Amino acid sequence: MSAGGGTTAVVAALAANLSIAAMKFIAFALTASSSMLAEAIHSVADSGNQLLLLVGGKRAARQASPQHPFGYGRERYIYAFIVSIVLFSVGGLFALFEAWDKFQHPHGIEGPWWWVPLVILVGSIIAEGLSFRTALREAGPVRGTQSWVSYIRTSKQPELPVVLLEDFGALIGLACALFGVSLTLITGDGVWDAAGTALIGLLLVAIAAVLALETSSLLLGEAATAADLAKIEAALASDGTRIIHLRTMHLGPAELLVGATFGVSRG
């Protein structure tokens, strides 16, 4: 039952997002681009989410108590679920609102600083790419032979899947922003900037929905994987006994509750 925590990937993503958010806010201040504002808020939301994951990991490491005899491992799932709420509200809904406002009052990107968003977006893509590579490297040994989709859907620890989805979403979001800003500069029509912002909002809402579905399943209590179940059955099997019922539930990434009913043969 691997429970790689993914702390390195979380810290790398946090450092990247904090620096990127500052640059995006500067670009927005200089150009009033709605795509840059949406991306800046996106980076702020991601930074907050990574802090939530770190807090959740620290709180989950507390020793079990009489009130919580099975420990606090599920706190990692609780904080991962909060991440999906933050991404949906602070990131997705804000971007969609900003896009709607820009569609109503479109304006181009003018002035001597028109080139700043392009430079910052390209730099942000490089920084997010490095963060994404760190997450891929850390998740590789834990993933094993699974596909990436299967790994995200079956992982019992939330940090790496969350960072992978956020970093992947960040790269797609930056591409959307680059699309909107570039066409606005070429055509002088601010509607393209609004379109890029809307795409970012829809992307964040979709990622938040996936995270909410996966983390809510973990909160409800997922069973052990088929491979782990086979190991448990092999460990419990003995001469003269048979397993009638076997139930498992993850109390955290590395904690598994096992309940079994045995039948004993009379010799």
Protein backbone atom coordinates (compact mmCIF):
# COMPACT_ATOMS: atom_id res chain seq x y z
CA MET A 1 0.00 0.00 0.00
CA SER A 2 2.10 2.84 -1.26
CA ALA A 3 1.43 6.21 0.24
CA GLY A 4 3.92 8.53 -1.34
CA GLY A 5 3.11 11.93 0.04
CA GLY A 6 4.17 14.09 -2.89
CA THR A 7 5.48 16.86 -0.63
CA THR A 8 8.29 17.75 -3.05
CA ALA A 9 5.81 18.17 -5.90
CA VAL A 10 3.50 20.29 -3.71
CA VAL A 11 6.32 22.61 -2.61
CA ALA A 12 7.61 22.93 -6.19
CA ALA A 13 4.12 23.82 -7.41
CA LEU A 14 3.67 26.35 -4.59
CA ALA A 15 6.95 28.11 -5.38
CA ALA A 16 6.12 28.24 -9.09
CA ASN A 17 2.58 29.54 -8.55
CA LEU A 18 3.56 32.30 -6.12
CA SER A 19 6.14 33.74 -8.52
CA ILE A 20 3.86 33.32 -11.53
CA ALA A 21 0.91 34.99 -9.76
CA ALA A 22 3.00 38.09 -9.03
CA MET A 23 4.08 38.38 -12.68
CA LYS A 24 0.53 37.92 -13.96
CA PHE A 25 -0.81 40.64 -11.68
CA ILE A 26 1.89 42.99 -13.00
CA ALA A 27 0.86 42.16 -16.58
CA PHE A 28 -2.80 42.82 -15.74
CA ALA A 29 -1.94 46.14 -14.09
CA LEU A 30 -0.05 47.25 -17.20
CA THR A 31 -2.52 46.03 -19.86
CA ALA A 32 -5.94 45.44 -18.20
CA SER A 33 -6.11 42.06 -19.95
CA SER A 34 -8.92 39.91 -18.52
CA SER A 35 -7.06 36.75 -19.51
CA MET A 36 -4.10 37.86 -17.39
CA LEU A 37 -6.38 38.66 -14.45
CA ALA A 38 -8.07 35.25 -14.72
CA GLU A 39 -4.69 33.55 -14.87
CA ALA A 40 -3.41 35.58 -11.90
CA ILE A 41 -6.40 34.52 -9.80
CA HIS A 42 -5.90 30.96 -11.05
CA SER A 43 -2.32 31.01 -9.73
CA VAL A 44 -3.46 32.50 -6.41
CA ALA A 45 -6.08 29.75 -6.07
CA ASP A 46 -3.48 27.09 -6.88
CA SER A 47 -1.08 28.56 -4.31
CA GLY A 48 -3.78 28.47 -1.66
CA ASN A 49 -4.58 24.91 -2.63
CA GLN A 50 -0.99 23.79 -2.22
CA LEU A 51 -0.90 25.39 1.23
CA LEU A 52 -4.09 23.48 2.08
CA LEU A 53 -2.47 20.21 1.00
CA LEU A 54 0.58 20.89 3.18
CA VAL A 55 -1.63 21.75 6.17
CA GLY A 56 -3.72 18.63 5.60
CA GLY A 57 -0.62 16.45 5.49
CA LYS A 58 0.69 17.93 8.73
CA ARG A 59 -2.62 17.53 10.56
CA ALA A 60 -3.04 13.97 9.30
CA ALA A 61 0.30 13.02 10.87
CA ARG A 62 -0.99 13.57 14.41
CA GLN A 63 -1.05 10.61 16.77
CA ALA A 64 -4.32 8.77 17.36
CA SER A 65 -6.32 9.86 20.40
CA PRO A 66 -9.08 8.27 22.53
CA GLN A 67 -11.60 10.37 20.61
CA HIS A 68 -10.09 9.39 17.24
CA PRO A 69 -8.58 5.94 17.83
CA PHE A 70 -7.96 5.32 14.14
CA GLY A 71 -5.94 8.50 13.74
CA TYR A 72 -6.36 11.54 11.53
CA GLY A 73 -5.36 10.18 8.13
CA ARG A 74 -8.61 11.28 6.50
CA GLU A 75 -7.72 14.93 7.09
CA ARG A 76 -5.67 14.69 3.90
CA TYR A 77 -8.87 13.82 2.05
CA ILE A 78 -10.82 16.63 3.72
CA TYR A 79 -8.28 19.26 2.70
CA ALA A 80 -8.06 17.84 -0.83
CA PHE A 81 -11.85 18.21 -1.11
CA ILE A 82 -11.58 21.83 0.07
CA VAL A 83 -9.09 22.32 -2.78
CA SER A 84 -11.80 21.43 -5.30
CA ILE A 85 -14.16 23.99 -3.73
CA VAL A 86 -11.51 26.74 -3.86
CA LEU A 87 -10.62 25.92 -7.47
CA PHE A 88 -14.30 25.98 -8.49
CA SER A 89 -15.25 29.21 -6.71
CA VAL A 90 -12.12 31.38 -6.55
CA GLY A 91 -10.74 30.18 -9.89
CA GLY A 92 -13.51 28.97 -12.19
CA LEU A 93 -16.47 31.15 -11.26
CA PHE A 94 -14.33 34.29 -11.03
CA ALA A 95 -12.89 33.70 -14.51
CA LEU A 96 -16.35 33.11 -15.99
CA PHE A 97 -17.68 36.29 -14.37
CA GLU A 98 -14.70 38.25 -15.67
CA ALA A 99 -15.22 36.80 -19.16
CA TRP A 100 -18.90 37.79 -19.13
CA ASP A 101 -18.00 41.34 -18.08
CA LYS A 102 -15.34 41.56 -20.81
CA PHE A 103 -17.80 40.30 -23.45
CA GLN A 104 -20.14 43.13 -22.42
CA HIS A 105 -17.38 45.77 -22.49
CA PRO A 106 -14.61 44.52 -24.81
CA HIS A 107 -11.44 46.55 -25.23
CA GLY A 108 -8.13 45.81 -26.85
CA ILE A 109 -4.66 45.68 -25.33
CA GLU A 110 -3.01 48.99 -26.05
CA GLY A 111 -0.12 51.11 -24.88
CA PRO A 112 3.63 50.57 -24.72
CA TRP A 113 3.34 47.48 -22.50
CA TRP A 114 1.43 45.28 -24.99
CA TRP A 115 4.33 42.83 -25.15
CA VAL A 116 4.46 42.17 -21.38
CA PRO A 117 1.64 39.56 -21.28
CA LEU A 118 3.30 37.55 -24.04
CA VAL A 119 6.65 37.46 -22.23
CA ILE A 120 5.05 36.58 -18.89
CA LEU A 121 2.85 33.87 -20.41
CA VAL A 122 5.82 32.21 -22.11
CA GLY A 123 7.83 32.43 -18.88
CA SER A 124 4.89 31.03 -16.93
CA ILE A 125 4.58 28.09 -19.31
CA ILE A 126 8.25 27.27 -18.71
CA ALA A 127 7.87 27.52 -14.90
CA GLU A 128 4.67 25.45 -14.86
CA GLY A 129 6.29 22.91 -17.16
CA LEU A 130 9.16 22.44 -14.69
CA SER A 131 6.68 22.06 -11.82
CA PHE A 132 4.67 19.54 -13.83
CA ARG A 133 7.83 17.58 -14.61
CA THR A 134 8.62 17.40 -10.87
CA ALA A 135 5.14 16.02 -10.18
CA LEU A 136 5.47 13.47 -12.98
CA ARG A 137 8.84 12.30 -11.67
CA GLU A 138 7.59 11.93 -8.10
CA ALA A 139 4.41 10.14 -9.19
CA GLY A 140 6.23 7.77 -11.56
CA PRO A 141 7.42 5.17 -9.01
CA VAL A 142 4.05 5.25 -7.20
CA ARG A 143 2.07 4.91 -10.44
CA GLY A 144 3.88 1.76 -11.52
CA THR A 145 2.41 0.28 -14.70
CA GLN A 146 -0.94 2.08 -14.46
CA SER A 147 -2.00 4.66 -17.00
CA TRP A 148 -2.08 8.23 -15.71
CA VAL A 149 -5.87 8.31 -15.80
CA SER A 150 -6.06 5.05 -13.84
CA TYR A 151 -3.49 6.32 -11.32
CA ILE A 152 -5.45 9.51 -10.64
CA ARG A 153 -8.70 7.56 -10.28
CA THR A 154 -7.32 4.83 -7.98
CA SER A 155 -4.69 6.65 -5.93
CA LYS A 156 -5.40 6.58 -2.20
CA GLN A 157 -3.21 9.58 -1.45
CA PRO A 158 -4.54 12.88 -2.78
CA GLU A 159 -1.55 15.22 -3.04
CA LEU A 160 0.13 14.02 -6.23
CA PRO A 161 -3.08 13.59 -8.26
CA VAL A 162 -4.20 17.08 -7.18
CA VAL A 163 -0.87 18.66 -8.17
CA LEU A 164 -0.80 16.74 -11.46
CA LEU A 165 -4.29 17.94 -12.38
CA GLU A 166 -3.58 21.52 -11.28
CA ASP A 167 -0.28 21.72 -13.15
CA PHE A 168 -1.78 20.17 -16.28
CA GLY A 169 -4.72 22.57 -16.01
CA ALA A 170 -2.33 25.48 -15.51
CA LEU A 171 -0.50 24.65 -18.75
CA ILE A 172 -3.78 24.42 -20.69
CA GLY A 173 -4.99 27.64 -19.05
CA LEU A 174 -1.80 29.45 -20.05
CA ALA A 175 -2.27 28.24 -23.62
CA CYS A 176 -5.84 29.62 -23.56
CA ALA A 177 -4.59 32.95 -22.22
CA LEU A 178 -1.86 33.09 -24.87
CA PHE A 179 -4.50 32.36 -27.52
CA GLY A 180 -6.78 35.15 -26.29
CA VAL A 181 -4.06 37.75 -25.79
CA SER A 182 -2.37 37.01 -29.13
CA LEU A 183 -5.57 37.30 -31.16
CA THR A 184 -6.53 40.46 -29.30
CA LEU A 185 -3.17 42.01 -30.19
CA ILE A 186 -3.47 40.90 -33.82
CA THR A 187 -7.09 41.97 -34.38
CA GLY A 188 -7.47 44.74 -31.81
CA ASP A 189 -10.73 43.09 -30.72
CA GLY A 190 -11.04 42.50 -26.95
CA VAL A 191 -13.62 39.76 -27.53
CA TRP A 192 -10.74 37.32 -28.07
CA ASP A 193 -9.33 38.23 -24.66
CA ALA A 194 -12.76 37.52 -23.18
CA ALA A 195 -12.91 34.19 -25.04
CA GLY A 196 -9.55 33.15 -23.57
CA THR A 197 -10.81 34.08 -20.11
CA ALA A 198 -13.99 32.03 -20.61
CA LEU A 199 -11.96 29.00 -21.68
CA ILE A 200 -9.85 29.32 -18.52
CA GLY A 201 -13.00 29.46 -16.39
CA LEU A 202 -14.54 26.39 -18.02
CA LEU A 203 -11.26 24.51 -17.63
CA LEU A 204 -11.04 25.28 -13.90
CA VAL A 205 -14.66 24.28 -13.30
CA ALA A 206 -14.04 20.95 -15.08
CA ILE A 207 -10.87 20.20 -13.08
CA ALA A 208 -12.63 21.15 -9.83
CA ALA A 209 -15.47 18.74 -10.67
CA VAL A 210 -13.03 15.87 -11.28
CA LEU A 211 -11.21 16.59 -8.01
CA ALA A 212 -14.48 16.78 -6.09
CA LEU A 213 -15.65 13.41 -7.44
CA GLU A 214 -12.37 11.65 -6.69
CA THR A 215 -11.83 13.11 -3.21
CA SER A 216 -15.46 12.59 -2.17
CA SER A 217 -15.03 8.90 -2.99
CA LEU A 218 -11.97 8.80 -0.72
CA LEU A 219 -13.89 10.58 2.04
CA LEU A 220 -16.66 7.97 1.85
CA GLY A 221 -14.05 5.26 2.37
CA GLU A 222 -12.59 3.35 -0.56
CA ALA A 223 -11.65 -0.31 -0.39
CA ALA A 224 -8.13 -1.62 -0.86
CA THR A 225 -6.94 -2.20 -4.39
CA ALA A 226 -7.28 -5.65 -5.95
CA ALA A 227 -3.55 -6.23 -5.52
CA ASP A 228 -3.67 -5.33 -1.82
CA LEU A 229 -6.77 -7.49 -1.30
CA ALA A 230 -4.93 -10.47 -2.77
CA LYS A 231 -2.04 -9.90 -0.35
CA ILE A 232 -4.42 -9.62 2.61
CA GLU A 233 -6.23 -12.83 1.65
CA ALA A 234 -2.91 -14.65 1.32
CA ALA A 235 -1.79 -13.40 4.74
CA LEU A 236 -5.05 -14.43 6.44
CA ALA A 237 -5.38 -17.83 4.80
CA SER A 238 -4.38 -20.84 6.88
CA ASP A 239 -5.10 -24.55 7.10
CA GLY A 240 -8.55 -25.33 8.39
CA THR A 241 -9.97 -21.82 7.91
CA ARG A 242 -11.68 -20.05 5.08
CA ILE A 243 -12.55 -16.41 4.60
CA ILE A 244 -16.32 -15.90 4.46
CA HIS A 245 -16.39 -12.11 4.25
CA LEU A 246 -13.57 -9.63 3.80
CA ARG A 247 -14.13 -5.88 3.93
CA THR A 248 -11.53 -3.15 3.78
CA MET A 249 -11.62 0.64 4.01
CA HIS A 250 -8.86 3.22 3.73
CA LEU A 251 -8.67 5.46 6.79
CA GLY A 252 -5.85 7.36 5.10
CA PRO A 253 -3.31 6.74 2.35
CA ALA A 254 -1.26 4.36 4.53
CA GLU A 255 -3.94 3.19 6.99
CA LEU A 256 -6.29 0.36 6.10
CA LEU A 257 -9.11 -1.01 8.23
CA VAL A 258 -9.66 -4.74 7.64
CA GLY A 259 -12.73 -6.68 8.78
CA ALA A 260 -12.99 -10.40 8.13
CA THR A 261 -15.28 -13.29 9.02
CA PHE A 262 -13.72 -16.74 9.09
CA GLY A 263 -15.14 -20.23 8.84
CA VAL A 264 -13.28 -22.88 10.84
CA SER A 265 -13.35 -26.51 9.78
CA ARG A 266 -13.90 -29.04 12.58
CA GLY A 267 -11.08 -31.50 12.60
